[in-house]
Every structure is written in C-alpha cells, then in structure tokens.
Protein backbone atom coordinates (compact mmCIF):
# COMPACT_ATOMS: atom_id res chain seq x y z
CA MET A 1 -47.28 -109.18 -52.77
CA ALA A 2 -50.09 -107.09 -51.63
CA VAL A 3 -49.28 -103.57 -50.28
CA GLY A 4 -51.78 -101.36 -48.12
CA ALA A 5 -50.88 -97.54 -47.91
CA ASP A 6 -48.35 -96.20 -45.42
CA THR A 7 -46.72 -99.83 -45.66
CA GLN A 8 -43.05 -99.95 -45.18
CA ILE A 9 -41.89 -102.42 -47.52
CA LEU A 10 -37.99 -102.31 -47.55
CA ASP A 11 -35.39 -102.14 -44.45
CA GLN A 12 -32.36 -102.75 -45.86
CA PRO A 13 -28.28 -102.04 -45.16
CA PHE A 14 -25.85 -101.59 -47.93
CA ASP A 15 -22.13 -101.28 -48.41
CA ASP A 16 -20.04 -101.04 -51.45
CA GLY A 17 -20.09 -104.72 -51.92
CA SER A 18 -23.95 -105.14 -51.75
CA LEU A 19 -25.06 -102.09 -53.89
CA HIS A 20 -25.46 -104.75 -56.77
CA ALA A 21 -27.84 -106.77 -54.81
CA LEU A 22 -29.68 -103.59 -53.75
CA ARG A 23 -30.51 -103.02 -57.13
CA GLU A 24 -32.22 -106.41 -57.42
CA THR A 25 -34.33 -105.75 -54.37
CA LEU A 26 -35.36 -102.61 -55.30
CA GLU A 27 -36.25 -103.62 -58.92
CA ALA A 28 -38.36 -106.60 -57.14
CA ARG A 29 -40.02 -104.55 -54.56
CA ALA A 30 -40.95 -101.86 -56.96
CA ALA A 31 -42.85 -103.98 -59.48
CA GLU A 32 -44.43 -105.93 -56.53
CA ALA A 33 -45.83 -102.50 -55.52
CA GLY A 34 -47.08 -102.04 -59.19
CA MET A 35 -44.79 -99.75 -60.48
CA PRO A 36 -44.47 -100.18 -64.33
CA GLU A 37 -41.15 -101.71 -65.73
CA GLY A 38 -39.85 -98.19 -67.12
CA ARG A 39 -40.88 -96.07 -64.30
CA ALA A 40 -39.13 -98.93 -61.93
CA GLY A 41 -36.13 -98.60 -64.20
CA ASP A 42 -36.06 -94.96 -63.15
CA LEU A 43 -36.32 -95.92 -59.37
CA VAL A 44 -33.36 -98.55 -59.40
CA ILE A 45 -31.40 -95.73 -61.18
CA CYS A 46 -32.13 -92.71 -58.91
CA VAL A 47 -31.87 -94.49 -55.53
CA HIS A 48 -29.02 -96.64 -56.75
CA GLU A 49 -26.94 -93.62 -57.49
CA LEU A 50 -28.27 -92.13 -54.05
CA ALA A 51 -26.92 -95.21 -52.20
CA THR A 52 -23.45 -95.03 -54.20
CA ASN A 53 -23.14 -91.13 -53.03
CA ALA A 54 -23.65 -92.52 -49.42
CA VAL A 55 -20.87 -95.13 -49.64
CA ARG A 56 -18.40 -92.78 -51.46
CA HIS A 57 -19.23 -89.54 -49.39
CA GLY A 58 -20.64 -91.14 -46.01
CA ALA A 59 -19.22 -93.63 -43.52
CA GLY A 60 -18.58 -96.26 -46.70
CA SER A 61 -22.02 -97.59 -45.68
CA GLY A 62 -25.93 -96.62 -45.40
CA ARG A 63 -29.38 -97.80 -45.01
CA LEU A 64 -32.42 -97.86 -47.49
CA ARG A 65 -36.13 -97.85 -46.16
CA MET A 66 -38.80 -97.73 -48.91
CA TRP A 67 -42.64 -97.16 -48.08
CA ASN A 68 -45.53 -97.31 -49.91
CA GLN A 69 -47.72 -94.30 -48.81
CA ALA A 70 -51.14 -93.82 -50.26
CA GLY A 71 -49.90 -94.89 -53.73
CA VAL A 72 -46.63 -93.53 -53.81
CA LEU A 73 -43.30 -94.81 -53.25
CA ARG A 74 -41.01 -93.25 -50.85
CA CYS A 75 -37.61 -94.16 -50.50
CA GLU A 76 -35.12 -92.57 -47.86
CA VAL A 77 -31.26 -93.28 -48.12
CA ALA A 78 -29.37 -92.19 -45.25
CA ASP A 79 -25.39 -92.50 -44.98
CA GLY A 80 -24.72 -92.70 -41.45
CA GLY A 81 -22.35 -89.56 -41.76
CA SER A 82 -18.73 -89.21 -42.81
CA ALA A 83 -16.18 -90.72 -40.39
CA GLY A 84 -13.77 -88.20 -39.21
CA ALA A 85 -15.45 -85.34 -40.68
CA ASP A 86 -15.78 -82.05 -39.37
CA PRO A 87 -18.13 -80.59 -40.06
CA PRO A 88 -19.90 -83.50 -42.02
CA ALA A 89 -19.18 -83.88 -45.83
CA SER A 90 -21.77 -83.21 -48.09
CA TRP A 91 -23.09 -84.92 -51.11
CA PRO A 92 -21.80 -83.12 -54.35
CA TYR A 93 -24.37 -81.86 -56.55
CA GLN A 94 -22.61 -82.72 -60.15
CA HIS A 95 -24.70 -82.67 -63.74
CA GLY A 96 -25.78 -86.12 -64.96
CA HIS A 97 -24.41 -87.91 -61.47
CA GLY A 98 -26.11 -88.44 -58.33
CA LEU A 99 -28.02 -86.17 -57.18
CA TRP A 100 -28.76 -84.19 -60.03
CA LEU A 101 -30.25 -87.73 -61.02
CA ALA A 102 -31.94 -88.17 -58.44
CA ARG A 103 -33.76 -84.81 -58.67
CA HIS A 104 -34.92 -85.12 -62.27
CA LEU A 105 -35.91 -88.73 -62.33
CA SER A 106 -38.12 -88.75 -59.05
CA GLU A 107 -41.08 -86.52 -58.83
CA GLU A 108 -40.13 -84.92 -55.27
CA MET A 109 -36.87 -85.19 -53.62
CA SER A 110 -35.24 -83.70 -50.06
CA VAL A 111 -32.20 -83.64 -48.82
CA CYS A 112 -31.50 -83.18 -44.80
CA SER A 113 -27.75 -83.14 -43.87
CA GLY A 114 -26.76 -82.54 -40.18
CA PRO A 115 -23.97 -83.90 -37.61
CA GLU A 116 -25.69 -87.78 -38.15
CA GLY A 117 -25.28 -87.43 -41.86
CA THR A 118 -27.32 -86.59 -44.81
CA VAL A 119 -30.50 -88.41 -45.64
CA VAL A 120 -31.82 -88.14 -48.67
CA THR A 121 -35.69 -88.88 -49.51
CA VAL A 122 -37.28 -89.07 -53.04
CA GLU A 123 -40.34 -89.93 -54.00
CA PHE A 124 -42.28 -92.16 -57.06
CA PRO A 125 -46.16 -92.09 -57.37
CA LEU A 126 -47.39 -94.99 -58.51
CA PRO A 127 -49.84 -95.04 -61.97
CA GLY A 128 -53.54 -94.20 -61.78
CA ALA A 129 -55.82 -96.98 -62.64
CA GLY A 130 -57.84 -95.19 -65.06
CA PRO A 131 -57.32 -95.84 -68.74
CA SER A 132 -54.95 -94.12 -71.17
CA GLY A 133 -55.12 -93.44 -74.62
CA LEU A 134 -54.66 -90.67 -77.43
CA THR A 135 -57.20 -88.70 -79.12
CA ARG A 136 -56.93 -86.90 -82.11
CA ASP A 137 -59.22 -83.74 -83.61
CA THR A 138 -58.63 -80.62 -85.63
CA ARG A 139 -59.23 -76.92 -84.23
CA ASP A 140 -58.32 -73.86 -85.85
CA GLY A 141 -56.06 -75.83 -88.81
CA CYS A 142 -54.10 -77.77 -86.45
CA THR A 143 -54.17 -81.27 -85.56
CA VAL A 144 -54.63 -81.66 -81.63
CA LEU A 145 -53.48 -84.76 -80.02
CA GLU A 146 -54.92 -85.53 -76.81
CA LEU A 147 -53.58 -87.70 -74.03
CA THR A 148 -55.05 -89.15 -71.26
CA GLY A 149 -53.77 -91.12 -68.29
CA ASP A 150 -50.21 -92.38 -68.69
CA LEU A 151 -47.33 -91.83 -70.95
CA ASP A 152 -44.63 -94.96 -70.26
CA PHE A 153 -43.33 -97.63 -72.07
CA ARG A 154 -46.68 -98.77 -73.33
CA THR A 155 -48.07 -95.44 -74.64
CA ALA A 156 -44.73 -93.79 -75.98
CA PRO A 157 -44.68 -95.74 -79.03
CA GLN A 158 -48.04 -94.53 -80.13
CA VAL A 159 -47.25 -90.91 -79.25
CA VAL A 160 -44.37 -90.95 -81.04
CA GLY A 161 -45.85 -93.04 -84.06
CA THR A 162 -48.78 -90.95 -84.58
CA VAL A 163 -46.66 -87.67 -84.85
CA ARG A 164 -44.46 -89.33 -87.87
CA THR A 165 -47.31 -90.48 -89.26
CA LEU A 166 -49.02 -86.80 -89.41
CA LEU A 167 -45.62 -85.34 -90.56
CA ALA A 168 -45.06 -87.56 -93.30
CA ALA A 169 -47.90 -85.88 -94.92
CA GLY A 170 -45.60 -82.70 -95.10
CA GLY A 171 -46.14 -79.43 -93.21
CA ALA A 172 -48.12 -80.55 -90.32
CA GLN A 173 -49.49 -78.36 -87.79
CA LEU A 174 -49.36 -80.58 -84.48
CA VAL A 175 -50.79 -79.43 -80.73
CA LEU A 176 -49.76 -82.27 -78.59
CA ASP A 177 -52.38 -81.51 -75.02
CA LEU A 178 -51.05 -83.28 -72.07
CA THR A 179 -53.50 -81.73 -69.33
CA GLY A 180 -54.60 -85.24 -68.92
CA LEU A 181 -51.45 -86.56 -68.16
CA GLU A 182 -51.54 -88.47 -65.19
CA PHE A 183 -48.12 -90.51 -64.78
CA TRP A 184 -44.95 -90.55 -66.99
CA ASP A 185 -41.53 -92.52 -67.13
CA SER A 186 -37.97 -91.85 -68.57
CA PHE A 187 -39.94 -93.70 -71.81
CA GLY A 188 -42.29 -90.63 -72.07
CA ILE A 189 -40.28 -88.31 -71.76
CA VAL A 190 -37.84 -89.77 -74.81
CA ALA A 191 -41.09 -90.06 -76.73
CA LEU A 192 -41.81 -86.05 -76.45
CA ILE A 193 -38.36 -85.33 -77.30
CA THR A 194 -38.13 -87.78 -80.49
CA ALA A 195 -41.50 -86.35 -81.63
CA GLN A 196 -40.13 -82.77 -80.92
CA GLN A 197 -36.98 -83.38 -83.35
CA ALA A 198 -38.94 -85.10 -85.68
CA ALA A 199 -41.12 -81.92 -86.04
CA ASP A 200 -37.88 -79.97 -86.00
CA ASP A 201 -36.78 -81.81 -89.20
CA ASP A 202 -39.44 -80.34 -91.03
CA ALA A 203 -38.65 -76.66 -91.80
CA ALA A 204 -42.78 -76.55 -92.94
CA ALA A 205 -44.21 -78.47 -90.04
CA ALA A 206 -44.53 -77.53 -86.04
CA LEU A 207 -45.23 -79.36 -82.46
CA VAL A 208 -46.29 -77.49 -79.67
CA VAL A 209 -46.74 -79.62 -76.29
CA THR A 210 -48.86 -77.84 -74.20
CA GLY A 211 -50.94 -78.10 -70.76
CA LEU A 212 -48.17 -80.34 -69.14
CA PRO A 213 -49.30 -80.46 -65.54
CA ASP A 214 -46.58 -78.27 -63.20
CA ARG A 215 -45.34 -81.52 -60.97
CA PHE A 216 -44.01 -82.94 -64.38
CA ARG A 217 -42.95 -79.92 -66.07
CA ARG A 218 -39.54 -79.09 -63.62
CA ARG A 219 -38.36 -82.89 -65.26
CA LEU A 220 -37.99 -80.72 -68.53
CA ASP A 221 -36.23 -77.35 -67.30
CA ASP A 222 -33.85 -77.96 -70.10
CA ILE A 223 -36.35 -78.43 -73.14
CA THR A 224 -37.90 -75.50 -74.10
CA PHE A 225 -40.96 -76.51 -76.63
CA THR A 226 -43.51 -76.52 -73.81
CA ARG A 227 -46.06 -73.92 -73.68
C-alpha cells in the first residue's frame, strides 16, 4: 500500500478482547509504511502498552489512530475517560511499563489528560533512503569506527562483530563515532550495550561512543558510556 505524507493509515477502536488483533494490525500497517522489522516491533510494543493502559485506567476501551506524516509514523491512543472518576484517573508512570516504555521506545511522546480522558501521542520516524555502513580508520593510536545511516537489525551484528574482532587482539582502544546516525531500533541499542560490555570485560581495552545525535541520546539516559 503506497502511503503519502500526512495520510491516516489506521483508525481502530479497541477493548480488552481486541488487543491481540490490534497488535497484528499495527504490525501490518507499520510494515506497509516502510518500517523495518525491528523498529516495527518497537512500535507494536509501545502502542500495545498504551492501549493496555487505556483499557485498565480508562473506561475499558479506547481508540487508536495512526498517520504517516512526512515520513514519521504518529500514533495517538485515547482512553475515552474513566467511568465515574472525578477528577479523571491518570495513567501511572512505572519503570518498565506503559508510559515508561513508550517514552524510551518512541522518538517523541506527549501526554494530555483532561475531563474527557487521556490521549498519548508517540512518533516513530521511518528510516532514511540513504545507504548505511561502517568504516574503519586509525587516529591518535585509536581505532575509529564510523557508522552512517541506520543502526538496526541489519547493521547491528556488523558493529558487534567488528568490535569483538578488534578486542580479540587485546588492549584495543576503540572509538565508535555515531555522528552520521540517522535511524535505530532496539537491535541497535542492544548492539551498543553488547559492544560496551565486551570492552569492559578487557581491562586493557576501552570503547568510547561519541557523536550520538541529541534526538537519540535521551533513550540512553541510563547508560553512561556516551561522550
């Protein structure tokens, strides 16, 4: 299905009995819009958590709308208000659940609560059309790995494999330059963590991740190896 800018691609009500079907529809629509497998999985998890919150903390049902807005998938989850609640019930923010997951998985998130209920909007940019790749250079005694384009389920194994190969020689001083990063998914984040852990296991080695664009940095709030 060809999808243009500012095009609504999903408008679907849901309740507790239809959450599984909602996941399947979300996955299909995200793939049709051009979202890679790994990031589509992030989107499905994120929106499912929000829909579950809408069911549990709202009136037991809600509505999902999704648009492709100039290369960004924008999902809006509304709970329709909490039956009998005055003031309206708000969604809890708990580590590892619901709003917490949505904040860390999505590129942008906004929450609006009022008398008519809670509406949460999350955004997932689609990947760029340019090529992705990992180049290698030596500067000031360090091996510099420069990634351009996407860090996803396709390129993540290359990053981890290259880091492990260099570490195998012993005492490697590595710099991973992400200045050219345009897109990543959860596979990419796991690759960064795995590469850092591999370097930490070698007391004589070091790995510094540099140049991470600000729009990605907040998703690594709990990871201290970025510079």
